[in-house]
Amino acid sequence: MPPLPLDGEPGPFALADPAKARRVLTSAGFHDVEVQPYDVTLATTDHPDTVAAWLIEVGPAGAAYRATPPPRQAAARTAVARLLGRYRAGTEYRMPAGLWLITASNPR
């Protein structure tokens, strides 16, 4: 897996460090910045290939996936779809995830 973004790099994990999220919002003029971690369950009823493609795209492997030829992308989706079996619950997939709920006050 590629490393998490360095400071200033974009991506879904660019604000993975709560201190960075606070710095960014504070430097933009916000105050009373709070970062609350939440463990959630993502539930989807999509086809496993669709769920696999989405997980790859939004995850840290997304850039490498997009740069790979289509046959290798298909192989990656198949492998991820196979791993999704452990999260199958009836007609849906229930996957654990973590997120930040970030709130702040705008001085205006």
PDB file of N, CA and C in Angstrom:
ATOM      1  N   MET A   1       0.843  -1.180   0.000  1.00  0.00           N
ATOM      2  CA  MET A   1       0.000   0.000   0.000  1.00  0.00           C
ATOM      3  C   MET A   1       0.883   1.236   0.000  1.00  0.00           C
ATOM      4  N   PRO A   2       0.466   2.256  -0.731  1.00  0.00           N
ATOM      5  CA  PRO A   2       1.235   3.496  -0.704  1.00  0.00           C
ATOM      6  C   PRO A   2       1.116   4.152   0.675  1.00  0.00           C
ATOM      7  N   PRO A   3       2.083   4.991   1.020  1.00  0.00           N
ATOM      8  CA  PRO A   3       2.011   5.656   2.328  1.00  0.00           C
ATOM      9  C   PRO A   3       0.875   6.672   2.354  1.00  0.00           C
ATOM     10  N   LEU A   4       0.445   7.034   3.554  1.00  0.00           N
ATOM     11  CA  LEU A   4      -0.542   8.101   3.682  1.00  0.00           C
ATOM     12  C   LEU A   4       0.052   9.383   3.108  1.00  0.00           C
ATOM     13  N   PRO A   5      -0.801  10.327   2.672  1.00  0.00           N
ATOM     14  CA  PRO A   5      -0.279  11.556   2.073  1.00  0.00           C
ATOM     15  C   PRO A   5       0.655  12.317   3.010  1.00  0.00           C
ATOM     16  N   LEU A   6       1.660  12.907   2.417  1.00  0.00           N
ATOM     17  CA  LEU A   6       2.516  13.814   3.175  1.00  0.00           C
ATOM     18  C   LEU A   6       1.756  15.102   3.400  1.00  0.00           C
ATOM     19  N   ASP A   7       2.225  15.928   4.308  1.00  0.00           N
ATOM     20  CA  ASP A   7       1.556  17.184   4.601  1.00  0.00           C
ATOM     21  C   ASP A   7       1.373  17.981   3.320  1.00  0.00           C
ATOM     22  N   GLY A   8       0.159  18.404   3.062  1.00  0.00           N
ATOM     23  CA  GLY A   8      -0.137  19.211   1.882  1.00  0.00           C
ATOM     24  C   GLY A   8      -0.611  18.416   0.682  1.00  0.00           C
ATOM     25  N   GLU A   9      -0.485  17.092   0.716  1.00  0.00           N
ATOM     26  CA  GLU A   9      -0.936  16.277  -0.407  1.00  0.00           C
ATOM     27  C   GLU A   9      -2.442  16.013  -0.286  1.00  0.00           C
ATOM     28  N   PRO A  10      -3.147  15.967  -1.429  1.00  0.00           N
ATOM     29  CA  PRO A  10      -4.591  15.703  -1.390  1.00  0.00           C
ATOM     30  C   PRO A  10      -4.883  14.226  -1.236  1.00  0.00           C
ATOM     31  N   GLY A  11      -6.130  13.912  -1.025  1.00  0.00           N
ATOM     32  CA  GLY A  11      -6.564  12.524  -0.968  1.00  0.00           C
ATOM     33  C   GLY A  11      -7.527  12.292   0.172  1.00  0.00           C
ATOM     34  N   PRO A  12      -8.147  11.101   0.191  1.00  0.00           N
ATOM     35  CA  PRO A  12      -9.154  10.832   1.214  1.00  0.00           C
ATOM     36  C   PRO A  12      -8.596  10.765   2.627  1.00  0.00           C
ATOM     37  N   PHE A  13      -7.271  10.651   2.771  1.00  0.00           N
ATOM     38  CA  PHE A  13      -6.678  10.584   4.100  1.00  0.00           C
ATOM     39  C   PHE A  13      -5.846  11.830   4.413  1.00  0.00           C
ATOM     40  N   ALA A  14      -6.052  12.894   3.652  1.00  0.00           N
ATOM     41  CA  ALA A  14      -5.266  14.115   3.832  1.00  0.00           C
ATOM     42  C   ALA A  14      -5.462  14.726   5.218  1.00  0.00           C
ATOM     43  N   LEU A  15      -6.616  14.494   5.825  1.00  0.00           N
ATOM     44  CA  LEU A  15      -6.873  15.027   7.170  1.00  0.00           C
ATOM     45  C   LEU A  15      -6.948  13.903   8.198  1.00  0.00           C
ATOM     46  N   ALA A  16      -6.202  12.828   7.963  1.00  0.00           N
ATOM     47  CA  ALA A  16      -6.215  11.685   8.880  1.00  0.00           C
ATOM     48  C   ALA A  16      -5.674  12.041  10.258  1.00  0.00           C
ATOM     49  N   ASP A  17      -4.815  13.039  10.324  1.00  0.00           N
ATOM     50  CA  ASP A  17      -4.263  13.487  11.597  1.00  0.00           C
ATOM     51  C   ASP A  17      -5.178  14.578  12.152  1.00  0.00           C
ATOM     52  N   PRO A  18      -5.817  14.355  13.303  1.00  0.00           N
ATOM     53  CA  PRO A  18      -6.727  15.361  13.855  1.00  0.00           C
ATOM     54  C   PRO A  18      -6.049  16.711  14.079  1.00  0.00           C
ATOM     55  N   ALA A  19      -4.770  16.699  14.439  1.00  0.00           N
ATOM     56  CA  ALA A  19      -4.059  17.965  14.651  1.00  0.00           C
ATOM     57  C   ALA A  19      -3.989  18.757  13.342  1.00  0.00           C
ATOM     58  N   LYS A  20      -3.806  18.068  12.230  1.00  0.00           N
ATOM     59  CA  LYS A  20      -3.765  18.762  10.937  1.00  0.00           C
ATOM     60  C   LYS A  20      -5.133  19.358  10.613  1.00  0.00           C
ATOM     61  N   ALA A  21      -6.189  18.621  10.857  1.00  0.00           N
ATOM     62  CA  ALA A  21      -7.531  19.149  10.605  1.00  0.00           C
ATOM     63  C   ALA A  21      -7.760  20.419  11.426  1.00  0.00           C
ATOM     64  N   ARG A  22      -7.330  20.387  12.678  1.00  0.00           N
ATOM     65  CA  ARG A  22      -7.467  21.573  13.528  1.00  0.00           C
ATOM     66  C   ARG A  22      -6.656  22.743  12.975  1.00  0.00           C
ATOM     67  N   ARG A  23      -5.402  22.469  12.554  1.00  0.00           N
ATOM     68  CA  ARG A  23      -4.547  23.533  12.001  1.00  0.00           C
ATOM     69  C   ARG A  23      -5.162  24.151  10.754  1.00  0.00           C
ATOM     70  N   VAL A  24      -5.667  23.318   9.868  1.00  0.00           N
ATOM     71  CA  VAL A  24      -6.241  23.817   8.610  1.00  0.00           C
ATOM     72  C   VAL A  24      -7.436  24.721   8.894  1.00  0.00           C
ATOM     73  N   LEU A  25      -8.333  24.264   9.750  1.00  0.00           N
ATOM     74  CA  LEU A  25      -9.523  25.065  10.043  1.00  0.00           C
ATOM     75  C   LEU A  25      -9.185  26.329  10.834  1.00  0.00           C
ATOM     76  N   THR A  26      -8.276  26.211  11.776  1.00  0.00           N
ATOM     77  CA  THR A  26      -7.877  27.387  12.549  1.00  0.00           C
ATOM     78  C   THR A  26      -7.221  28.424  11.650  1.00  0.00           C
ATOM     79  N   SER A  27      -6.362  27.988  10.738  1.00  0.00           N
ATOM     80  CA  SER A  27      -5.702  28.937   9.828  1.00  0.00           C
ATOM     81  C   SER A  27      -6.692  29.562   8.860  1.00  0.00           C
ATOM     82  N   ALA A  28      -7.848  28.926   8.647  1.00  0.00           N
ATOM     83  CA  ALA A  28      -8.889  29.489   7.779  1.00  0.00           C
ATOM     84  C   ALA A  28      -9.825  30.411   8.553  1.00  0.00           C
ATOM     85  N   GLY A  29      -9.550  30.616   9.851  1.00  0.00           N
ATOM     86  CA  GLY A  29     -10.335  31.549  10.643  1.00  0.00           C
ATOM     87  C   GLY A  29     -11.412  30.908  11.511  1.00  0.00           C
ATOM     88  N   PHE A  30     -11.521  29.606  11.500  1.00  0.00           N
ATOM     89  CA  PHE A  30     -12.507  28.940  12.341  1.00  0.00           C
ATOM     90  C   PHE A  30     -11.976  28.810  13.762  1.00  0.00           C
ATOM     91  N   HIS A  31     -12.884  28.672  14.707  1.00  0.00           N
ATOM     92  CA  HIS A  31     -12.476  28.463  16.098  1.00  0.00           C
ATOM     93  C   HIS A  31     -13.357  27.390  16.715  1.00  0.00           C
ATOM     94  N   ASP A  32     -13.051  27.006  17.931  1.00  0.00           N
ATOM     95  CA  ASP A  32     -13.773  25.920  18.614  1.00  0.00           C
ATOM     96  C   ASP A  32     -13.807  24.651  17.762  1.00  0.00           C
ATOM     97  N   VAL A  33     -12.671  24.338  17.173  1.00  0.00           N
ATOM     98  CA  VAL A  33     -12.577  23.150  16.312  1.00  0.00           C
ATOM     99  C   VAL A  33     -12.562  21.895  17.186  1.00  0.00           C
ATOM    100  N   GLU A  34     -13.451  20.986  16.881  1.00  0.00           N
ATOM    101  CA  GLU A  34     -13.505  19.708  17.586  1.00  0.00           C
ATOM    102  C   GLU A  34     -13.439  18.575  16.577  1.00  0.00           C
ATOM    103  N   VAL A  35     -12.686  17.556  16.927  1.00  0.00           N
ATOM    104  CA  VAL A  35     -12.563  16.373  16.083  1.00  0.00           C
ATOM    105  C   VAL A  35     -12.961  15.170  16.937  1.00  0.00           C
ATOM    106  N   GLN A  36     -14.050  14.523  16.541  1.00  0.00           N
ATOM    107  CA  GLN A  36     -14.556  13.373  17.275  1.00  0.00           C
ATOM    108  C   GLN A  36     -14.439  12.119  16.406  1.00  0.00           C
ATOM    109  N   PRO A  37     -13.746  11.100  16.881  1.00  0.00           N
ATOM    110  CA  PRO A  37     -13.680   9.855  16.109  1.00  0.00           C
ATOM    111  C   PRO A  37     -14.979   9.053  16.258  1.00  0.00           C
ATOM    112  N   TYR A  38     -15.392   8.434  15.172  1.00  0.00           N
ATOM    113  CA  TYR A  38     -16.567   7.566  15.192  1.00  0.00           C
ATOM    114  C   TYR A  38     -16.252   6.268  14.462  1.00  0.00           C
ATOM    115  N   ASP A  39     -16.620   5.177  15.082  1.00  0.00           N
ATOM    116  CA  ASP A  39     -16.571   3.886  14.412  1.00  0.00           C
ATOM    117  C   ASP A  39     -17.974   3.638  13.879  1.00  0.00           C
ATOM    118  N   VAL A  40     -18.080   3.375  12.603  1.00  0.00           N
ATOM    119  CA  VAL A  40     -19.374   3.182  11.959  1.00  0.00           C
ATOM    120  C   VAL A  40     -19.351   1.890  11.151  1.00  0.00           C
ATOM    121  N   THR A  41     -20.501   1.494  10.675  1.00  0.00           N
ATOM    122  CA  THR A  41     -20.613   0.351   9.781  1.00  0.00           C
ATOM    123  C   THR A  41     -21.201   0.840   8.470  1.00  0.00           C
ATOM    124  N   LEU A  42     -20.475   0.613   7.390  1.00  0.00           N
ATOM    125  CA  LEU A  42     -20.971   0.940   6.063  1.00  0.00           C
ATOM    126  C   LEU A  42     -21.760  -0.256   5.562  1.00  0.00           C
ATOM    127  N   ALA A  43     -22.975  -0.023   5.109  1.00  0.00           N
ATOM    128  CA  ALA A  43     -23.808  -1.115   4.605  1.00  0.00           C
ATOM    129  C   ALA A  43     -24.163  -0.828   3.152  1.00  0.00           C
ATOM    130  N   THR A  44     -24.035  -1.852   2.315  1.00  0.00           N
ATOM    131  CA  THR A  44     -24.381  -1.713   0.909  1.00  0.00           C
ATOM    132  C   THR A  44     -24.941  -3.024   0.384  1.00  0.00           C
ATOM    133  N   THR A  45     -25.838  -2.919  -0.559  1.00  0.00           N
ATOM    134  CA  THR A  45     -26.417  -4.107  -1.188  1.00  0.00           C
ATOM    135  C   THR A  45     -25.931  -4.261  -2.622  1.00  0.00           C
ATOM    136  N   ASP A  46     -24.944  -3.464  -3.021  1.00  0.00           N
ATOM    137  CA  ASP A  46     -24.437  -3.535  -4.386  1.00  0.00           C
ATOM    138  C   ASP A  46     -23.766  -4.866  -4.690  1.00  0.00           C
ATOM    139  N   HIS A  47     -23.561  -5.108  -5.968  1.00  0.00           N
ATOM    140  CA  HIS A  47     -22.843  -6.289  -6.447  1.00  0.00           C
ATOM    141  C   HIS A  47     -21.413  -6.225  -5.904  1.00  0.00           C
ATOM    142  N   PRO A  48     -20.813  -7.368  -5.532  1.00  0.00           N
ATOM    143  CA  PRO A  48     -19.469  -7.348  -4.936  1.00  0.00           C
ATOM    144  C   PRO A  48     -18.417  -6.671  -5.813  1.00  0.00           C
ATOM    145  N   ASP A  49     -18.530  -6.790  -7.134  1.00  0.00           N
ATOM    146  CA  ASP A  49     -17.562  -6.140  -8.024  1.00  0.00           C
ATOM    147  C   ASP A  49     -17.672  -4.623  -7.926  1.00  0.00           C
ATOM    148  N   THR A  50     -18.893  -4.121  -7.780  1.00  0.00           N
ATOM    149  CA  THR A  50     -19.119  -2.676  -7.645  1.00  0.00           C
ATOM    150  C   THR A  50     -18.560  -2.171  -6.320  1.00  0.00           C
ATOM    151  N   VAL A  51     -18.830  -2.918  -5.247  1.00  0.00           N
ATOM    152  CA  VAL A  51     -18.321  -2.533  -3.923  1.00  0.00           C
ATOM    153  C   VAL A  51     -16.791  -2.564  -3.936  1.00  0.00           C
ATOM    154  N   ALA A  52     -16.217  -3.595  -4.540  1.00  0.00           N
ATOM    155  CA  ALA A  52     -14.756  -3.714  -4.605  1.00  0.00           C
ATOM    156  C   ALA A  52     -14.154  -2.529  -5.351  1.00  0.00           C
ATOM    157  N   ALA A  53     -14.731  -2.158  -6.489  1.00  0.00           N
ATOM    158  CA  ALA A  53     -14.211  -1.021  -7.264  1.00  0.00           C
ATOM    159  C   ALA A  53     -14.282   0.262  -6.442  1.00  0.00           C
ATOM    160  N   TRP A  54     -15.385   0.462  -5.726  1.00  0.00           N
ATOM    161  CA  TRP A  54     -15.533   1.666  -4.904  1.00  0.00           C
ATOM    162  C   TRP A  54     -14.492   1.695  -3.796  1.00  0.00           C
ATOM    163  N   LEU A  55     -14.309   0.576  -3.109  1.00  0.00           N
ATOM    164  CA  LEU A  55     -13.331   0.537  -2.021  1.00  0.00           C
ATOM    165  C   LEU A  55     -11.915   0.810  -2.524  1.00  0.00           C
ATOM    166  N   ILE A  56     -11.585   0.251  -3.675  1.00  0.00           N
ATOM    167  CA  ILE A  56     -10.249   0.486  -4.237  1.00  0.00           C
ATOM    168  C   ILE A  56     -10.088   1.958  -4.603  1.00  0.00           C
ATOM    169  N   GLU A  57     -11.087   2.519  -5.264  1.00  0.00           N
ATOM    170  CA  GLU A  57     -11.006   3.918  -5.722  1.00  0.00           C
ATOM    171  C   GLU A  57     -10.834   4.908  -4.574  1.00  0.00           C
ATOM    172  N   VAL A  58     -11.577   4.717  -3.479  1.00  0.00           N
ATOM    173  CA  VAL A  58     -11.512   5.701  -2.388  1.00  0.00           C
ATOM    174  C   VAL A  58     -10.368   5.431  -1.428  1.00  0.00           C
ATOM    175  N   GLY A  59      -9.762   4.276  -1.526  1.00  0.00           N
ATOM    176  CA  GLY A  59      -8.681   3.932  -0.613  1.00  0.00           C
ATOM    177  C   GLY A  59      -7.328   4.398  -1.116  1.00  0.00           C
ATOM    178  N   PRO A  60      -6.298   4.123  -0.346  1.00  0.00           N
ATOM    179  CA  PRO A  60      -4.953   4.579  -0.710  1.00  0.00           C
ATOM    180  C   PRO A  60      -4.392   3.896  -1.952  1.00  0.00           C
ATOM    181  N   ALA A  61      -5.010   2.828  -2.413  1.00  0.00           N
ATOM    182  CA  ALA A  61      -4.532   2.149  -3.625  1.00  0.00           C
ATOM    183  C   ALA A  61      -5.174   2.715  -4.891  1.00  0.00           C
ATOM    184  N   GLY A  62      -6.039   3.709  -4.759  1.00  0.00           N
ATOM    185  CA  GLY A  62      -6.781   4.247  -5.897  1.00  0.00           C
ATOM    186  C   GLY A  62      -5.913   4.713  -7.051  1.00  0.00           C
ATOM    187  N   ALA A  63      -4.874   5.468  -6.762  1.00  0.00           N
ATOM    188  CA  ALA A  63      -4.015   5.990  -7.840  1.00  0.00           C
ATOM    189  C   ALA A  63      -3.318   4.853  -8.575  1.00  0.00           C
ATOM    190  N   ALA A  64      -2.798   3.878  -7.836  1.00  0.00           N
ATOM    191  CA  ALA A  64      -2.137   2.740  -8.473  1.00  0.00           C
ATOM    192  C   ALA A  64      -3.139   1.944  -9.301  1.00  0.00           C
ATOM    193  N   TYR A  65      -4.347   1.791  -8.811  1.00  0.00           N
ATOM    194  CA  TYR A  65      -5.400   1.066  -9.522  1.00  0.00           C
ATOM    195  C   TYR A  65      -5.715   1.747 -10.856  1.00  0.00           C
ATOM    196  N   ARG A  66      -5.888   3.057 -10.819  1.00  0.00           N
ATOM    197  CA  ARG A  66      -6.220   3.800 -12.046  1.00  0.00           C
ATOM    198  C   ARG A  66      -5.095   3.747 -13.066  1.00  0.00           C
ATOM    199  N   ALA A  67      -3.859   3.594 -12.611  1.00  0.00           N
ATOM    200  CA  ALA A  67      -2.705   3.565 -13.519  1.00  0.00           C
ATOM    201  C   ALA A  67      -2.434   2.164 -14.070  1.00  0.00           C
ATOM    202  N   THR A  68      -3.208   1.188 -13.635  1.00  0.00           N
ATOM    203  CA  THR A  68      -3.007  -0.203 -14.025  1.00  0.00           C
ATOM    204  C   THR A  68      -3.862  -0.545 -15.240  1.00  0.00           C
ATOM    205  N   PRO A  69      -3.366  -1.379 -16.140  1.00  0.00           N
ATOM    206  CA  PRO A  69      -4.166  -1.787 -17.305  1.00  0.00           C
ATOM    207  C   PRO A  69      -5.469  -2.480 -16.883  1.00  0.00           C
ATOM    208  N   PRO A  70      -6.527  -2.363 -17.683  1.00  0.00           N
ATOM    209  CA  PRO A  70      -7.832  -2.935 -17.332  1.00  0.00           C
ATOM    210  C   PRO A  70      -7.814  -4.401 -16.893  1.00  0.00           C
ATOM    211  N   PRO A  71      -7.030  -5.302 -17.519  1.00  0.00           N
ATOM    212  CA  PRO A  71      -7.049  -6.689 -17.025  1.00  0.00           C
ATOM    213  C   PRO A  71      -6.558  -6.812 -15.579  1.00  0.00           C
ATOM    214  N   ARG A  72      -5.592  -6.006 -15.207  1.00  0.00           N
ATOM    215  CA  ARG A  72      -5.089  -6.053 -13.827  1.00  0.00           C
ATOM    216  C   ARG A  72      -6.079  -5.395 -12.872  1.00  0.00           C
ATOM    217  N   GLN A  73      -6.793  -4.355 -13.347  1.00  0.00           N
ATOM    218  CA  GLN A  73      -7.847  -3.755 -12.528  1.00  0.00           C
ATOM    219  C   GLN A  73      -8.919  -4.804 -12.221  1.00  0.00           C
ATOM    220  N   ALA A  74      -9.306  -5.575 -13.250  1.00  0.00           N
ATOM    221  CA  ALA A  74     -10.318  -6.618 -13.056  1.00  0.00           C
ATOM    222  C   ALA A  74      -9.835  -7.652 -12.043  1.00  0.00           C
ATOM    223  N   ALA A  75      -8.563  -8.025 -12.125  1.00  0.00           N
ATOM    224  CA  ALA A  75      -8.009  -8.991 -11.171  1.00  0.00           C
ATOM    225  C   ALA A  75      -8.038  -8.421  -9.754  1.00  0.00           C
ATOM    226  N   ALA A  76      -7.738  -7.149  -9.608  1.00  0.00           N
ATOM    227  CA  ALA A  76      -7.777  -6.510  -8.287  1.00  0.00           C
ATOM    228  C   ALA A  76      -9.203  -6.502  -7.748  1.00  0.00           C
ATOM    229  N   ARG A  77     -10.181  -6.149  -8.585  1.00  0.00           N
ATOM    230  CA  ARG A  77     -11.576  -6.143  -8.140  1.00  0.00           C
ATOM    231  C   ARG A  77     -12.019  -7.543  -7.712  1.00  0.00           C
ATOM    232  N   THR A  78     -11.619  -8.547  -8.480  1.00  0.00           N
ATOM    233  CA  THR A  78     -11.988  -9.926  -8.146  1.00  0.00           C
ATOM    234  C   THR A  78     -11.410 -10.327  -6.788  1.00  0.00           C
ATOM    235  N   ALA A  79     -10.154  -9.974  -6.546  1.00  0.00           N
ATOM    236  CA  ALA A  79      -9.514 -10.318  -5.275  1.00  0.00           C
ATOM    237  C   ALA A  79     -10.189  -9.605  -4.109  1.00  0.00           C
ATOM    238  N   VAL A  80     -10.503  -8.327  -4.282  1.00  0.00           N
ATOM    239  CA  VAL A  80     -11.163  -7.578  -3.210  1.00  0.00           C
ATOM    240  C   VAL A  80     -12.578  -8.109  -2.997  1.00  0.00           C
ATOM    241  N   ALA A  81     -13.285  -8.407  -4.083  1.00  0.00           N
ATOM    242  CA  ALA A  81     -14.647  -8.948  -3.954  1.00  0.00           C
ATOM    243  C   ALA A  81     -14.629 -10.262  -3.174  1.00  0.00           C
ATOM    244  N   ARG A  82     -13.616 -11.077  -3.390  1.00  0.00           N
ATOM    245  CA  ARG A  82     -13.491 -12.336  -2.651  1.00  0.00           C
ATOM    246  C   ARG A  82     -13.300 -12.059  -1.150  1.00  0.00           C
ATOM    247  N   LEU A  83     -12.497 -11.060  -0.821  1.00  0.00           N
ATOM    248  CA  LEU A  83     -12.273 -10.705   0.591  1.00  0.00           C
ATOM    249  C   LEU A  83     -13.525 -10.124   1.241  1.00  0.00           C
ATOM    250  N   LEU A  84     -14.410  -9.542   0.432  1.00  0.00           N
ATOM    251  CA  LEU A  84     -15.635  -8.955   0.977  1.00  0.00           C
ATOM    252  C   LEU A  84     -16.551  -9.998   1.595  1.00  0.00           C
ATOM    253  N   GLY A  85     -16.372 -11.262   1.233  1.00  0.00           N
ATOM    254  CA  GLY A  85     -17.230 -12.320   1.753  1.00  0.00           C
ATOM    255  C   GLY A  85     -17.330 -12.322   3.265  1.00  0.00           C
ATOM    256  N   ARG A  86     -16.274 -11.943   3.941  1.00  0.00           N
ATOM    257  CA  ARG A  86     -16.303 -11.945   5.417  1.00  0.00           C
ATOM    258  C   ARG A  86     -17.237 -10.872   5.974  1.00  0.00           C
ATOM    259  N   TYR A  87     -17.636  -9.910   5.132  1.00  0.00           N
ATOM    260  CA  TYR A  87     -18.525  -8.836   5.582  1.00  0.00           C
ATOM    261  C   TYR A  87     -19.955  -9.017   5.087  1.00  0.00           C
ATOM    262  N   ARG A  88     -20.228 -10.136   4.451  1.00  0.00           N
ATOM    263  CA  ARG A  88     -21.572 -10.397   3.924  1.00  0.00           C
ATOM    264  C   ARG A  88     -22.508 -10.728   5.079  1.00  0.00           C
ATOM    265  N   ALA A  89     -23.653 -10.052   5.094  1.00  0.00           N
ATOM    266  CA  ALA A  89     -24.690 -10.304   6.100  1.00  0.00           C
ATOM    267  C   ALA A  89     -26.025 -10.358   5.360  1.00  0.00           C
ATOM    268  N   GLY A  90     -26.444 -11.545   5.002  1.00  0.00           N
ATOM    269  CA  GLY A  90     -27.686 -11.687   4.235  1.00  0.00           C
ATOM    270  C   GLY A  90     -27.506 -11.131   2.830  1.00  0.00           C
ATOM    271  N   THR A  91     -28.292 -10.110   2.506  1.00  0.00           N
ATOM    272  CA  THR A  91     -28.238  -9.532   1.162  1.00  0.00           C
ATOM    273  C   THR A  91     -27.365  -8.286   1.078  1.00  0.00           C
ATOM    274  N   GLU A  92     -26.625  -7.988   2.131  1.00  0.00           N
ATOM    275  CA  GLU A  92     -25.796  -6.784   2.107  1.00  0.00           C
ATOM    276  C   GLU A  92     -24.403  -7.063   2.648  1.00  0.00           C
ATOM    277  N   TYR A  93     -23.545  -6.100   2.448  1.00  0.00           N
ATOM    278  CA  TYR A  93     -22.207  -6.116   3.031  1.00  0.00           C
ATOM    279  C   TYR A  93     -22.202  -5.086   4.144  1.00  0.00           C
ATOM    280  N   ARG A  94     -21.668  -5.452   5.302  1.00  0.00           N
ATOM    281  CA  ARG A  94     -21.574  -4.552   6.458  1.00  0.00           C
ATOM    282  C   ARG A  94     -20.105  -4.465   6.844  1.00  0.00           C
ATOM    283  N   MET A  95     -19.501  -3.324   6.508  1.00  0.00           N
ATOM    284  CA  MET A  95     -18.061  -3.154   6.686  1.00  0.00           C
ATOM    285  C   MET A  95     -17.763  -2.107   7.750  1.00  0.00           C
ATOM    286  N   PRO A  96     -16.884  -2.438   8.689  1.00  0.00           N
ATOM    287  CA  PRO A  96     -16.506  -1.458   9.706  1.00  0.00           C
ATOM    288  C   PRO A  96     -15.658  -0.353   9.083  1.00  0.00           C
ATOM    289  N   ALA A  97     -15.844   0.843   9.596  1.00  0.00           N
ATOM    290  CA  ALA A  97     -15.065   1.990   9.111  1.00  0.00           C
ATOM    291  C   ALA A  97     -14.908   2.986  10.246  1.00  0.00           C
ATOM    292  N   GLY A  98     -13.919   3.821  10.118  1.00  0.00           N
ATOM    293  CA  GLY A  98     -13.711   4.883  11.093  1.00  0.00           C
ATOM    294  C   GLY A  98     -13.743   6.222  10.376  1.00  0.00           C
ATOM    295  N   LEU A  99     -14.261   7.220  11.038  1.00  0.00           N
ATOM    296  CA  LEU A  99     -14.302   8.555  10.436  1.00  0.00           C
ATOM    297  C   LEU A  99     -14.182   9.607  11.524  1.00  0.00           C
ATOM    298  N   TRP A 100     -13.904  10.820  11.087  1.00  0.00           N
ATOM    299  CA  TRP A 100     -13.865  11.965  11.991  1.00  0.00           C
ATOM    300  C   TRP A 100     -15.135  12.775  11.760  1.00  0.00           C
ATOM    301  N   LEU A 101     -15.762  13.225  12.827  1.00  0.00           N
ATOM    302  CA  LEU A 101     -16.801  14.243  12.742  1.00  0.00           C
ATOM    303  C   LEU A 101     -16.108  15.519  13.191  1.00  0.00           C
ATOM    304  N   ILE A 102     -15.931  16.442  12.259  1.00  0.00           N
ATOM    305  CA  ILE A 102     -15.221  17.688  12.554  1.00  0.00           C
ATOM    306  C   ILE A 102     -16.218  18.822  12.572  1.00  0.00           C
ATOM    307  N   THR A 103     -16.255  19.554  13.674  1.00  0.00           N
ATOM    308  CA  THR A 103     -17.112  20.720  13.785  1.00  0.00           C
ATOM    309  C   THR A 103     -16.246  21.924  14.155  1.00  0.00           C
ATOM    310  N   ALA A 104     -16.726  23.096  13.760  1.00  0.00           N
ATOM    311  CA  ALA A 104     -16.002  24.333  14.054  1.00  0.00           C
ATOM    312  C   ALA A 104     -16.970  25.493  13.945  1.00  0.00           C
ATOM    313  N   SER A 105     -16.619  26.580  14.571  1.00  0.00           N
ATOM    314  CA  SER A 105     -17.441  27.796  14.517  1.00  0.00           C
ATOM    315  C   SER A 105     -16.807  28.780  13.557  1.00  0.00           C
ATOM    316  N   ASN A 106     -17.650  29.390  12.744  1.00  0.00           N
ATOM    317  CA  ASN A 106     -17.213  30.428  11.818  1.00  0.00           C
ATOM    318  C   ASN A 106     -17.404  31.763  12.509  1.00  0.00           C
ATOM    319  N   PRO A 107     -16.376  32.592  12.584  1.00  0.00           N
ATOM    320  CA  PRO A 107     -16.479  33.860  13.320  1.00  0.00           C
ATOM    321  C   PRO A 107     -17.397  34.876  12.684  1.00  0.00           C
ATOM    322  N   ARG A 108     -17.807  34.664  11.444  1.00  0.00           N
ATOM    323  CA  ARG A 108     -18.659  35.685  10.776  1.00  0.00           C
ATOM    324  C   ARG A 108     -20.096  35.495  11.076  1.00  0.00           C
TER     325      ARG A 108
END
